[in-house]
Amino acid sequence: MNRLRQRRLWYLPNGATISASSAPGAPAGVNERAMKKTTDKTAEPEMREEYDFSHGVRGKHARRYAQGSNVVLLEADVAKIFPDAESVNEPLRALAGIIRRQRKTLAGK
């Protein structure tokens, strides 16, 4: 048995048993900070120096975000055809109307 983990038992004349560990140091749980992680003081800062928000406007899109706006990233070839929100929304509304009519037609059969 490993000497550091060996436990010793003593039996006293009154029938009591005493148990002790031969392991050096304080018993487990006494030094609770021993297992806590230390913070890395040399860690890189969260914000890089090249980020410049000096001309930023706080809450600029908050109202639209609260309304539940969907943001979609267009691929480059599609963005050439649809350069702004209006040019995207008009054809999408037309397509949505076609889809609604198709569903009504299929539901009626």
C-alpha atoms as a PDB file:
ATOM      1  CA  MET A   1       0.000   0.000   0.000  1.00  0.00           C
ATOM      2  CA  ASN A   2       1.254   3.526  -0.811  1.00  0.00           C
ATOM      3  CA  ARG A   3       2.690   5.117   2.309  1.00  0.00           C
ATOM      4  CA  LEU A   4       0.997   8.498   1.603  1.00  0.00           C
ATOM      5  CA  ARG A   5      -2.458   6.922   1.492  1.00  0.00           C
ATOM      6  CA  GLN A   6      -2.077   4.483   4.345  1.00  0.00           C
ATOM      7  CA  ARG A   7      -4.614   4.780   7.181  1.00  0.00           C
ATOM      8  CA  ARG A   8      -3.879   3.562  10.671  1.00  0.00           C
ATOM      9  CA  LEU A   9      -6.417   2.223  13.167  1.00  0.00           C
ATOM     10  CA  TRP A  10      -5.999   2.145  16.933  1.00  0.00           C
ATOM     11  CA  TYR A  11      -8.304   0.196  19.217  1.00  0.00           C
ATOM     12  CA  LEU A  12      -8.677   1.643  22.698  1.00  0.00           C
ATOM     13  CA  PRO A  13      -9.461  -0.444  25.820  1.00  0.00           C
ATOM     14  CA  ASN A  14     -12.948   1.104  26.062  1.00  0.00           C
ATOM     15  CA  GLY A  15     -13.804  -0.302  22.586  1.00  0.00           C
ATOM     16  CA  ALA A  16     -13.469   2.975  20.662  1.00  0.00           C
ATOM     17  CA  THR A  17     -11.586   3.053  17.388  1.00  0.00           C
ATOM     18  CA  ILE A  18      -9.359   5.923  16.295  1.00  0.00           C
ATOM     19  CA  SER A  19      -8.527   6.359  12.641  1.00  0.00           C
ATOM     20  CA  ALA A  20      -5.768   8.591  11.277  1.00  0.00           C
ATOM     21  CA  SER A  21      -4.077   9.152   7.947  1.00  0.00           C
ATOM     22  CA  SER A  22      -0.329   9.168   7.463  1.00  0.00           C
ATOM     23  CA  ALA A  23      -0.675  11.557   4.508  1.00  0.00           C
ATOM     24  CA  PRO A  24       1.172  14.840   5.059  1.00  0.00           C
ATOM     25  CA  GLY A  25      -0.685  18.164   5.067  1.00  0.00           C
ATOM     26  CA  ALA A  26      -4.155  19.284   5.948  1.00  0.00           C
ATOM     27  CA  PRO A  27      -7.161  17.034   5.400  1.00  0.00           C
ATOM     28  CA  ALA A  28      -9.208  17.386   2.202  1.00  0.00           C
ATOM     29  CA  GLY A  29     -11.566  20.357   2.134  1.00  0.00           C
ATOM     30  CA  VAL A  30      -9.489  22.554   4.424  1.00  0.00           C
ATOM     31  CA  ASN A  31      -7.799  24.458   1.599  1.00  0.00           C
ATOM     32  CA  GLU A  32     -10.712  24.878  -0.811  1.00  0.00           C
ATOM     33  CA  ARG A  33      -8.881  27.376  -3.017  1.00  0.00           C
ATOM     34  CA  ALA A  34      -6.347  24.746  -4.093  1.00  0.00           C
ATOM     35  CA  MET A  35      -8.617  23.431  -6.870  1.00  0.00           C
ATOM     36  CA  LYS A  36      -9.969  26.771  -8.126  1.00  0.00           C
ATOM     37  CA  LYS A  37      -8.838  27.979 -11.530  1.00  0.00           C
ATOM     38  CA  THR A  38      -6.602  31.002 -11.636  1.00  0.00           C
ATOM     39  CA  THR A  39      -7.318  33.809 -14.077  1.00  0.00           C
ATOM     40  CA  ASP A  40      -4.790  34.480 -16.796  1.00  0.00           C
ATOM     41  CA  LYS A  41      -3.661  38.070 -16.284  1.00  0.00           C
ATOM     42  CA  THR A  42      -1.756  38.060 -19.587  1.00  0.00           C
ATOM     43  CA  ALA A  43      -4.844  37.274 -21.705  1.00  0.00           C
ATOM     44  CA  GLU A  44      -5.494  39.370 -24.801  1.00  0.00           C
ATOM     45  CA  PRO A  45      -8.030  42.187 -24.278  1.00  0.00           C
ATOM     46  CA  GLU A  46     -11.553  41.517 -25.563  1.00  0.00           C
ATOM     47  CA  MET A  47     -11.611  44.463 -27.955  1.00  0.00           C
ATOM     48  CA  ARG A  48      -8.841  44.915 -30.507  1.00  0.00           C
ATOM     49  CA  GLU A  49      -7.317  48.343 -31.038  1.00  0.00           C
ATOM     50  CA  GLU A  50      -8.259  48.435 -34.753  1.00  0.00           C
ATOM     51  CA  TYR A  51     -11.986  48.440 -33.932  1.00  0.00           C
ATOM     52  CA  ASP A  52     -13.206  52.021 -34.009  1.00  0.00           C
ATOM     53  CA  PHE A  53     -16.688  52.746 -32.680  1.00  0.00           C
ATOM     54  CA  SER A  54     -16.122  56.473 -32.196  1.00  0.00           C
ATOM     55  CA  HIS A  55     -18.747  57.292 -34.872  1.00  0.00           C
ATOM     56  CA  GLY A  56     -21.177  54.583 -33.784  1.00  0.00           C
ATOM     57  CA  VAL A  57     -24.767  55.382 -32.862  1.00  0.00           C
ATOM     58  CA  ARG A  58     -26.179  53.565 -29.852  1.00  0.00           C
ATOM     59  CA  GLY A  59     -29.505  51.830 -30.504  1.00  0.00           C
ATOM     60  CA  LYS A  60     -29.564  52.747 -34.207  1.00  0.00           C
ATOM     61  CA  HIS A  61     -31.360  49.525 -35.196  1.00  0.00           C
ATOM     62  CA  ALA A  62     -33.005  48.723 -31.839  1.00  0.00           C
ATOM     63  CA  ARG A  63     -36.583  49.554 -32.927  1.00  0.00           C
ATOM     64  CA  ARG A  64     -36.401  47.405 -36.071  1.00  0.00           C
ATOM     65  CA  TYR A  65     -34.791  44.596 -34.089  1.00  0.00           C
ATOM     66  CA  ALA A  66     -37.558  44.754 -31.489  1.00  0.00           C
ATOM     67  CA  GLN A  67     -40.162  44.480 -34.262  1.00  0.00           C
ATOM     68  CA  GLY A  68     -38.624  41.156 -35.266  1.00  0.00           C
ATOM     69  CA  SER A  69     -36.910  42.098 -38.516  1.00  0.00           C
ATOM     70  CA  ASN A  70     -35.204  39.306 -40.414  1.00  0.00           C
ATOM     71  CA  VAL A  71     -31.734  39.961 -41.728  1.00  0.00           C
ATOM     72  CA  VAL A  72     -30.673  37.894 -44.725  1.00  0.00           C
ATOM     73  CA  LEU A  73     -27.215  37.883 -46.249  1.00  0.00           C
ATOM     74  CA  LEU A  74     -27.385  37.865 -50.036  1.00  0.00           C
ATOM     75  CA  GLU A  75     -24.700  36.168 -52.065  1.00  0.00           C
ATOM     76  CA  ALA A  76     -22.691  38.447 -54.370  1.00  0.00           C
ATOM     77  CA  ASP A  77     -24.456  37.437 -57.606  1.00  0.00           C
ATOM     78  CA  VAL A  78     -27.908  38.001 -56.075  1.00  0.00           C
ATOM     79  CA  ALA A  79     -26.837  41.314 -54.499  1.00  0.00           C
ATOM     80  CA  LYS A  80     -25.941  42.627 -57.993  1.00  0.00           C
ATOM     81  CA  ILE A  81     -29.564  42.142 -59.060  1.00  0.00           C
ATOM     82  CA  PHE A  82     -31.108  43.285 -55.762  1.00  0.00           C
ATOM     83  CA  PRO A  83     -28.942  46.174 -54.480  1.00  0.00           C
ATOM     84  CA  ASP A  84     -31.354  47.447 -51.790  1.00  0.00           C
ATOM     85  CA  ALA A  85     -34.276  46.379 -49.581  1.00  0.00           C
ATOM     86  CA  GLU A  86     -36.978  47.693 -51.923  1.00  0.00           C
ATOM     87  CA  SER A  87     -35.641  45.785 -54.922  1.00  0.00           C
ATOM     88  CA  VAL A  88     -35.698  42.576 -52.863  1.00  0.00           C
ATOM     89  CA  ASN A  89     -39.042  43.042 -51.096  1.00  0.00           C
ATOM     90  CA  GLU A  90     -41.163  43.768 -54.208  1.00  0.00           C
ATOM     91  CA  PRO A  91     -40.335  40.482 -56.020  1.00  0.00           C
ATOM     92  CA  LEU A  92     -40.563  38.519 -52.769  1.00  0.00           C
ATOM     93  CA  ARG A  93     -44.073  39.862 -52.133  1.00  0.00           C
ATOM     94  CA  ALA A  94     -45.065  38.854 -55.672  1.00  0.00           C
ATOM     95  CA  LEU A  95     -43.622  35.378 -55.129  1.00  0.00           C
ATOM     96  CA  ALA A  96     -45.415  35.095 -51.789  1.00  0.00           C
ATOM     97  CA  GLY A  97     -48.719  35.898 -53.539  1.00  0.00           C
ATOM     98  CA  ILE A  98     -48.093  33.154 -56.107  1.00  0.00           C
ATOM     99  CA  ILE A  99     -47.302  30.664 -53.328  1.00  0.00           C
ATOM    100  CA  ARG A 100     -50.521  31.587 -51.440  1.00  0.00           C
ATOM    101  CA  ARG A 101     -52.629  31.089 -54.569  1.00  0.00           C
ATOM    102  CA  GLN A 102     -50.960  27.737 -55.271  1.00  0.00           C
ATOM    103  CA  ARG A 103     -51.672  26.547 -51.723  1.00  0.00           C
ATOM    104  CA  LYS A 104     -55.329  27.562 -51.973  1.00  0.00           C
ATOM    105  CA  THR A 105     -55.629  25.742 -55.292  1.00  0.00           C
ATOM    106  CA  LEU A 106     -53.997  22.587 -53.908  1.00  0.00           C
ATOM    107  CA  ALA A 107     -56.080  22.749 -50.701  1.00  0.00           C
ATOM    108  CA  GLY A 108     -59.305  22.924 -52.778  1.00  0.00           C
ATOM    109  CA  LYS A 109     -58.577  19.690 -54.642  1.00  0.00           C
END
